[in-house]
């Protein structure tokens, strides 16, 4: 059985949880970005004018009538 001391959230445990959560977000970002880009047309995803085109899909909406290309 665990004692109350082992179950207590200490500052070190909180810092460790925050660090692991941030690391997971940073590590997953390239995969999420690639998945998001697969629903955009090439003009949006590889736009050199503005990186926001990959998020909002201006060219995708012009070509397909929708923010996502399927």
PDB file of N, CA and C in Angstrom:
ATOM      1  N   UNK A   1       0.825  -1.171   0.000  1.00  0.00           N
ATOM      2  CA  UNK A   1       0.000   0.000   0.000  1.00  0.00           C
ATOM      3  C   UNK A   1       0.879   1.248   0.000  1.00  0.00           C
ATOM      4  N   UNK A   2       0.428   2.282  -0.733  1.00  0.00           N
ATOM      5  CA  UNK A   2       1.172   3.537  -0.755  1.00  0.00           C
ATOM      6  C   UNK A   2       0.838   4.369   0.471  1.00  0.00           C
ATOM      7  N   UNK A   3       1.858   5.032   0.958  1.00  0.00           N
ATOM      8  CA  UNK A   3       1.629   5.931   2.084  1.00  0.00           C
ATOM      9  C   UNK A   3       1.235   7.308   1.561  1.00  0.00           C
ATOM     10  N   UNK A   4       0.786   8.183   2.453  1.00  0.00           N
ATOM     11  CA  UNK A   4       0.366   9.523   2.049  1.00  0.00           C
ATOM     12  C   UNK A   4       1.536  10.322   1.477  1.00  0.00           C
ATOM     13  N   UNK A   5       2.715  10.079   1.968  1.00  0.00           N
ATOM     14  CA  UNK A   5       3.893  10.807   1.489  1.00  0.00           C
ATOM     15  C   UNK A   5       4.183  10.443   0.031  1.00  0.00           C
ATOM     16  N   UNK A   6       4.031   9.189  -0.345  1.00  0.00           N
ATOM     17  CA  UNK A   6       4.294   8.763  -1.725  1.00  0.00           C
ATOM     18  C   UNK A   6       3.266   9.316  -2.695  1.00  0.00           C
ATOM     19  N   UNK A   7       2.051   9.556  -2.264  1.00  0.00           N
ATOM     20  CA  UNK A   7       0.990  10.063  -3.125  1.00  0.00           C
ATOM     21  C   UNK A   7       0.965  11.587  -3.223  1.00  0.00           C
ATOM     22  N   UNK A   8       1.717  12.267  -2.385  1.00  0.00           N
ATOM     23  CA  UNK A   8       1.692  13.722  -2.324  1.00  0.00           C
ATOM     24  C   UNK A   8       2.383  14.323  -3.554  1.00  0.00           C
ATOM     25  N   UNK A   9       1.748  15.379  -4.120  1.00  0.00           N
ATOM     26  CA  UNK A   9       2.369  16.093  -5.234  1.00  0.00           C
ATOM     27  C   UNK A   9       3.387  17.083  -4.688  1.00  0.00           C
ATOM     28  N   UNK A  10       4.631  16.811  -4.945  1.00  0.00           N
ATOM     29  CA  UNK A  10       5.697  17.698  -4.507  1.00  0.00           C
ATOM     30  C   UNK A  10       6.068  18.628  -5.666  1.00  0.00           C
ATOM     31  N   UNK A  11       6.751  19.717  -5.390  1.00  0.00           N
ATOM     32  CA  UNK A  11       7.176  20.608  -6.472  1.00  0.00           C
ATOM     33  C   UNK A  11       8.027  19.905  -7.538  1.00  0.00           C
ATOM     34  N   UNK A  12       8.834  18.957  -7.115  1.00  0.00           N
ATOM     35  CA  UNK A  12       9.659  18.217  -8.071  1.00  0.00           C
ATOM     36  C   UNK A  12       8.782  17.383  -9.002  1.00  0.00           C
ATOM     37  N   UNK A  13       7.752  16.746  -8.467  1.00  0.00           N
ATOM     38  CA  UNK A  13       6.832  15.965  -9.300  1.00  0.00           C
ATOM     39  C   UNK A  13       6.066  16.862 -10.272  1.00  0.00           C
ATOM     40  N   UNK A  14       5.638  18.024  -9.810  1.00  0.00           N
ATOM     41  CA  UNK A  14       4.911  18.953 -10.669  1.00  0.00           C
ATOM     42  C   UNK A  14       5.806  19.427 -11.803  1.00  0.00           C
ATOM     43  N   UNK A  15       7.042  19.785 -11.494  1.00  0.00           N
ATOM     44  CA  UNK A  15       7.993  20.218 -12.521  1.00  0.00           C
ATOM     45  C   UNK A  15       8.245  19.090 -13.514  1.00  0.00           C
ATOM     46  N   UNK A  16       8.363  17.863 -13.017  1.00  0.00           N
ATOM     47  CA  UNK A  16       8.591  16.724 -13.898  1.00  0.00           C
ATOM     48  C   UNK A  16       7.388  16.508 -14.821  1.00  0.00           C
ATOM     49  N   UNK A  17       6.167  16.601 -14.306  1.00  0.00           N
ATOM     50  CA  UNK A  17       4.972  16.442 -15.125  1.00  0.00           C
ATOM     51  C   UNK A  17       4.890  17.524 -16.196  1.00  0.00           C
ATOM     52  N   UNK A  18       5.189  18.768 -15.820  1.00  0.00           N
ATOM     53  CA  UNK A  18       5.156  19.879 -16.776  1.00  0.00           C
ATOM     54  C   UNK A  18       6.219  19.671 -17.853  1.00  0.00           C
ATOM     55  N   UNK A  19       7.405  19.263 -17.461  1.00  0.00           N
ATOM     56  CA  UNK A  19       8.481  19.022 -18.415  1.00  0.00           C
ATOM     57  C   UNK A  19       8.103  17.917 -19.397  1.00  0.00           C
ATOM     58  N   UNK A  20       7.555  16.831 -18.916  1.00  0.00           N
ATOM     59  CA  UNK A  20       7.161  15.722 -19.788  1.00  0.00           C
ATOM     60  C   UNK A  20       6.036  16.154 -20.732  1.00  0.00           C
ATOM     61  N   UNK A  21       5.074  16.921 -20.235  1.00  0.00           N
ATOM     62  CA  UNK A  21       3.979  17.394 -21.078  1.00  0.00           C
ATOM     63  C   UNK A  21       4.503  18.310 -22.188  1.00  0.00           C
ATOM     64  N   UNK A  22       5.383  19.233 -21.841  1.00  0.00           N
ATOM     65  CA  UNK A  22       5.968  20.111 -22.862  1.00  0.00           C
ATOM     66  C   UNK A  22       6.798  19.333 -23.875  1.00  0.00           C
ATOM     67  N   UNK A  23       7.560  18.371 -23.400  1.00  0.00           N
ATOM     68  CA  UNK A  23       8.370  17.556 -24.292  1.00  0.00           C
ATOM     69  C   UNK A  23       7.489  16.776 -25.263  1.00  0.00           C
ATOM     70  N   UNK A  24       6.377  16.240 -24.776  1.00  0.00           N
ATOM     71  CA  UNK A  24       5.466  15.511 -25.661  1.00  0.00           C
ATOM     72  C   UNK A  24       4.861  16.424 -26.718  1.00  0.00           C
ATOM     73  N   UNK A  25       4.508  17.632 -26.347  1.00  0.00           N
ATOM     74  CA  UNK A  25       3.956  18.578 -27.319  1.00  0.00           C
ATOM     75  C   UNK A  25       4.990  18.912 -28.391  1.00  0.00           C
ATOM     76  N   UNK A  26       6.219  19.176 -27.973  1.00  0.00           N
ATOM     77  CA  UNK A  26       7.282  19.499 -28.923  1.00  0.00           C
ATOM     78  C   UNK A  26       7.585  18.295 -29.815  1.00  0.00           C
ATOM     79  N   UNK A  27       7.607  17.109 -29.252  1.00  0.00           N
ATOM     80  CA  UNK A  27       7.912  15.913 -30.028  1.00  0.00           C
ATOM     81  C   UNK A  27       6.801  15.554 -31.005  1.00  0.00           C
ATOM     82  N   UNK A  28       5.550  15.862 -30.664  1.00  0.00           N
ATOM     83  CA  UNK A  28       4.422  15.517 -31.535  1.00  0.00           C
ATOM     84  C   UNK A  28       4.168  16.563 -32.608  1.00  0.00           C
ATOM     85  N   UNK A  29       4.701  17.779 -32.461  1.00  0.00           N
ATOM     86  CA  UNK A  29       4.405  18.866 -33.385  1.00  0.00           C
ATOM     87  C   UNK A  29       4.687  18.524 -34.850  1.00  0.00           C
ATOM     88  N   UNK A  30       5.839  17.943 -35.211  1.00  0.00           N
ATOM     89  CA  UNK A  30       6.070  17.636 -36.631  1.00  0.00           C
ATOM     90  C   UNK A  30       5.040  16.655 -37.210  1.00  0.00           C
ATOM     91  N   UNK A  31       4.606  15.714 -36.422  1.00  0.00           N
ATOM     92  CA  UNK A  31       3.616  14.754 -36.896  1.00  0.00           C
ATOM     93  C   UNK A  31       2.250  15.413 -37.085  1.00  0.00           C
ATOM     94  N   UNK A  32       1.873  16.265 -36.145  1.00  0.00           N
ATOM     95  CA  UNK A  32       0.598  16.978 -36.245  1.00  0.00           C
ATOM     96  C   UNK A  32       0.632  17.932 -37.437  1.00  0.00           C
ATOM     97  N   UNK A  33       1.759  18.644 -37.630  1.00  0.00           N
ATOM     98  CA  UNK A  33       1.893  19.579 -38.746  1.00  0.00           C
ATOM     99  C   UNK A  33       1.795  18.843 -40.087  1.00  0.00           C
ATOM    100  N   UNK A  34       2.406  17.685 -40.188  1.00  0.00           N
ATOM    101  CA  UNK A  34       2.333  16.895 -41.416  1.00  0.00           C
ATOM    102  C   UNK A  34       0.915  16.402 -41.657  1.00  0.00           C
ATOM    103  N   UNK A  35       0.244  15.946 -40.629  1.00  0.00           N
ATOM    104  CA  UNK A  35      -1.139  15.503 -40.765  1.00  0.00           C
ATOM    105  C   UNK A  35      -2.021  16.668 -41.197  1.00  0.00           C
ATOM    106  N   UNK A  36      -1.854  17.827 -40.589  1.00  0.00           N
ATOM    107  CA  UNK A  36      -2.632  19.014 -40.944  1.00  0.00           C
ATOM    108  C   UNK A  36      -2.369  19.408 -42.403  1.00  0.00           C
ATOM    109  N   UNK A  37      -1.127  19.342 -42.821  1.00  0.00           N
ATOM    110  CA  UNK A  37      -0.761  19.708 -44.188  1.00  0.00           C
ATOM    111  C   UNK A  37      -1.301  18.763 -45.231  1.00  0.00           C
ATOM    112  N   UNK A  38      -1.607  17.547 -44.846  1.00  0.00           N
ATOM    113  CA  UNK A  38      -2.137  16.598 -45.822  1.00  0.00           C
ATOM    114  C   UNK A  38      -3.545  16.949 -46.266  1.00  0.00           C
ATOM    115  N   UNK A  39      -4.205  17.859 -45.553  1.00  0.00           N
ATOM    116  CA  UNK A  39      -5.539  18.303 -45.927  1.00  0.00           C
ATOM    117  C   UNK A  39      -5.522  19.664 -46.628  1.00  0.00           C
ATOM    118  N   UNK A  40      -4.341  20.151 -46.999  1.00  0.00           N
ATOM    119  CA  UNK A  40      -4.193  21.434 -47.672  1.00  0.00           C
ATOM    120  C   UNK A  40      -3.620  21.212 -49.064  1.00  0.00           C
ATOM    121  N   UNK A  41      -3.897  22.156 -49.982  1.00  0.00           N
ATOM    122  CA  UNK A  41      -3.293  22.080 -51.307  1.00  0.00           C
ATOM    123  C   UNK A  41      -1.844  22.534 -51.199  1.00  0.00           C
ATOM    124  N   UNK A  42      -1.068  22.195 -52.214  1.00  0.00           N
ATOM    125  CA  UNK A  42       0.362  22.468 -52.178  1.00  0.00           C
ATOM    126  C   UNK A  42       0.656  23.962 -52.073  1.00  0.00           C
ATOM    127  N   UNK A  43      -0.157  24.809 -52.696  1.00  0.00           N
ATOM    128  CA  UNK A  43       0.068  26.258 -52.647  1.00  0.00           C
ATOM    129  C   UNK A  43      -0.020  26.799 -51.222  1.00  0.00           C
ATOM    130  N   UNK A  44      -0.815  26.191 -50.387  1.00  0.00           N
ATOM    131  CA  UNK A  44      -0.911  26.625 -48.989  1.00  0.00           C
ATOM    132  C   UNK A  44       0.200  26.037 -48.140  1.00  0.00           C
ATOM    133  N   UNK A  45       0.411  24.755 -48.256  1.00  0.00           N
ATOM    134  CA  UNK A  45       1.337  24.090 -47.349  1.00  0.00           C
ATOM    135  C   UNK A  45       2.783  24.502 -47.587  1.00  0.00           C
ATOM    136  N   UNK A  46       3.155  24.743 -48.844  1.00  0.00           N
ATOM    137  CA  UNK A  46       4.529  25.122 -49.158  1.00  0.00           C
ATOM    138  C   UNK A  46       4.657  26.607 -49.483  1.00  0.00           C
ATOM    139  N   UNK A  47       3.751  27.424 -48.987  1.00  0.00           N
ATOM    140  CA  UNK A  47       3.756  28.856 -49.255  1.00  0.00           C
ATOM    141  C   UNK A  47       4.948  29.540 -48.594  1.00  0.00           C
ATOM    142  N   UNK A  48       5.709  30.270 -49.396  1.00  0.00           N
ATOM    143  CA  UNK A  48       6.835  31.029 -48.836  1.00  0.00           C
ATOM    144  C   UNK A  48       6.399  32.424 -48.414  1.00  0.00           C
ATOM    145  N   UNK A  49       5.223  32.852 -48.856  1.00  0.00           N
ATOM    146  CA  UNK A  49       4.751  34.196 -48.537  1.00  0.00           C
ATOM    147  C   UNK A  49       4.377  34.328 -47.066  1.00  0.00           C
ATOM    148  N   UNK A  50       3.667  33.340 -46.553  1.00  0.00           N
ATOM    149  CA  UNK A  50       3.200  33.436 -45.170  1.00  0.00           C
ATOM    150  C   UNK A  50       2.932  32.034 -44.635  1.00  0.00           C
ATOM    151  N   UNK A  51       3.480  31.710 -43.482  1.00  0.00           N
ATOM    152  CA  UNK A  51       3.268  30.387 -42.900  1.00  0.00           C
ATOM    153  C   UNK A  51       1.819  30.193 -42.467  1.00  0.00           C
ATOM    154  N   UNK A  52       1.089  31.280 -42.247  1.00  0.00           N
ATOM    155  CA  UNK A  52      -0.307  31.175 -41.821  1.00  0.00           C
ATOM    156  C   UNK A  52      -1.192  30.573 -42.907  1.00  0.00           C
ATOM    157  N   UNK A  53      -0.735  30.610 -44.163  1.00  0.00           N
ATOM    158  CA  UNK A  53      -1.505  29.978 -45.245  1.00  0.00           C
ATOM    159  C   UNK A  53      -1.701  28.492 -44.985  1.00  0.00           C
ATOM    160  N   UNK A  54      -0.723  27.866 -44.370  1.00  0.00           N
ATOM    161  CA  UNK A  54      -0.841  26.439 -44.064  1.00  0.00           C
ATOM    162  C   UNK A  54      -1.880  26.175 -42.990  1.00  0.00           C
ATOM    163  N   UNK A  55      -2.150  27.154 -42.162  1.00  0.00           N
ATOM    164  CA  UNK A  55      -3.141  26.980 -41.102  1.00  0.00           C
ATOM    165  C   UNK A  55      -4.539  27.310 -41.599  1.00  0.00           C
ATOM    166  N   UNK A  56      -4.678  28.460 -42.248  1.00  0.00           N
ATOM    167  CA  UNK A  56      -6.007  28.937 -42.622  1.00  0.00           C
ATOM    168  C   UNK A  56      -6.476  28.464 -43.991  1.00  0.00           C
ATOM    169  N   UNK A  57      -5.565  28.083 -44.868  1.00  0.00           N
ATOM    170  CA  UNK A  57      -5.933  27.480 -46.141  1.00  0.00           C
ATOM    171  C   UNK A  57      -6.621  28.405 -47.126  1.00  0.00           C
ATOM    172  N   UNK A  58      -6.039  29.581 -47.383  1.00  0.00           N
ATOM    173  CA  UNK A  58      -6.654  30.518 -48.320  1.00  0.00           C
ATOM    174  C   UNK A  58      -6.733  29.933 -49.730  1.00  0.00           C
ATOM    175  N   UNK A  59      -5.635  29.349 -50.206  1.00  0.00           N
ATOM    176  CA  UNK A  59      -5.618  28.764 -51.546  1.00  0.00           C
ATOM    177  C   UNK A  59      -6.469  27.491 -51.613  1.00  0.00           C
ATOM    178  N   UNK A  60      -6.489  26.752 -50.527  1.00  0.00           N
ATOM    179  CA  UNK A  60      -7.318  25.546 -50.474  1.00  0.00           C
ATOM    180  C   UNK A  60      -8.785  25.905 -50.617  1.00  0.00           C
ATOM    181  N   UNK A  61      -9.188  26.970 -49.954  1.00  0.00           N
ATOM    182  CA  UNK A  61     -10.586  27.395 -50.053  1.00  0.00           C
ATOM    183  C   UNK A  61     -10.915  27.885 -51.459  1.00  0.00           C
ATOM    184  N   UNK A  62      -9.979  28.583 -52.098  1.00  0.00           N
ATOM    185  CA  UNK A  62     -10.212  29.054 -53.468  1.00  0.00           C
ATOM    186  C   UNK A  62     -10.375  27.878 -54.438  1.00  0.00           C
ATOM    187  N   UNK A  63      -9.532  26.861 -54.295  1.00  0.00           N
ATOM    188  CA  UNK A  63      -9.526  25.750 -55.252  1.00  0.00           C
ATOM    189  C   UNK A  63     -10.643  24.740 -54.980  1.00  0.00           C
ATOM    190  N   UNK A  64     -10.973  24.506 -53.727  1.00  0.00           N
ATOM    191  CA  UNK A  64     -11.933  23.437 -53.423  1.00  0.00           C
ATOM    192  C   UNK A  64     -13.256  23.941 -52.865  1.00  0.00           C
ATOM    193  N   UNK A  65     -13.288  25.204 -52.425  1.00  0.00           N
ATOM    194  CA  UNK A  65     -14.505  25.732 -51.819  1.00  0.00           C
ATOM    195  C   UNK A  65     -14.629  25.385 -50.345  1.00  0.00           C
ATOM    196  N   UNK A  66     -13.604  24.763 -49.785  1.00  0.00           N
ATOM    197  CA  UNK A  66     -13.617  24.356 -48.385  1.00  0.00           C
ATOM    198  C   UNK A  66     -12.232  24.593 -47.810  1.00  0.00           C
ATOM    199  N   UNK A  67     -12.117  24.688 -46.489  1.00  0.00           N
ATOM    200  CA  UNK A  67     -10.812  24.898 -45.867  1.00  0.00           C
ATOM    201  C   UNK A  67      -9.943  23.639 -45.890  1.00  0.00           C
ATOM    202  N   UNK A  68     -10.574  22.498 -46.104  1.00  0.00           N
ATOM    203  CA  UNK A  68      -9.848  21.242 -46.152  1.00  0.00           C
ATOM    204  C   UNK A  68     -10.016  20.595 -47.517  1.00  0.00           C
ATOM    205  N   UNK A  69      -8.936  20.011 -48.009  1.00  0.00           N
ATOM    206  CA  UNK A  69      -8.958  19.305 -49.284  1.00  0.00           C
ATOM    207  C   UNK A  69      -9.080  17.816 -49.002  1.00  0.00           C
ATOM    208  N   UNK A  70     -10.128  17.189 -49.503  1.00  0.00           N
ATOM    209  CA  UNK A  70     -10.249  15.753 -49.311  1.00  0.00           C
ATOM    210  C   UNK A  70     -10.396  15.046 -50.593  1.00  0.00           C
TER     211      UNK A  70
END
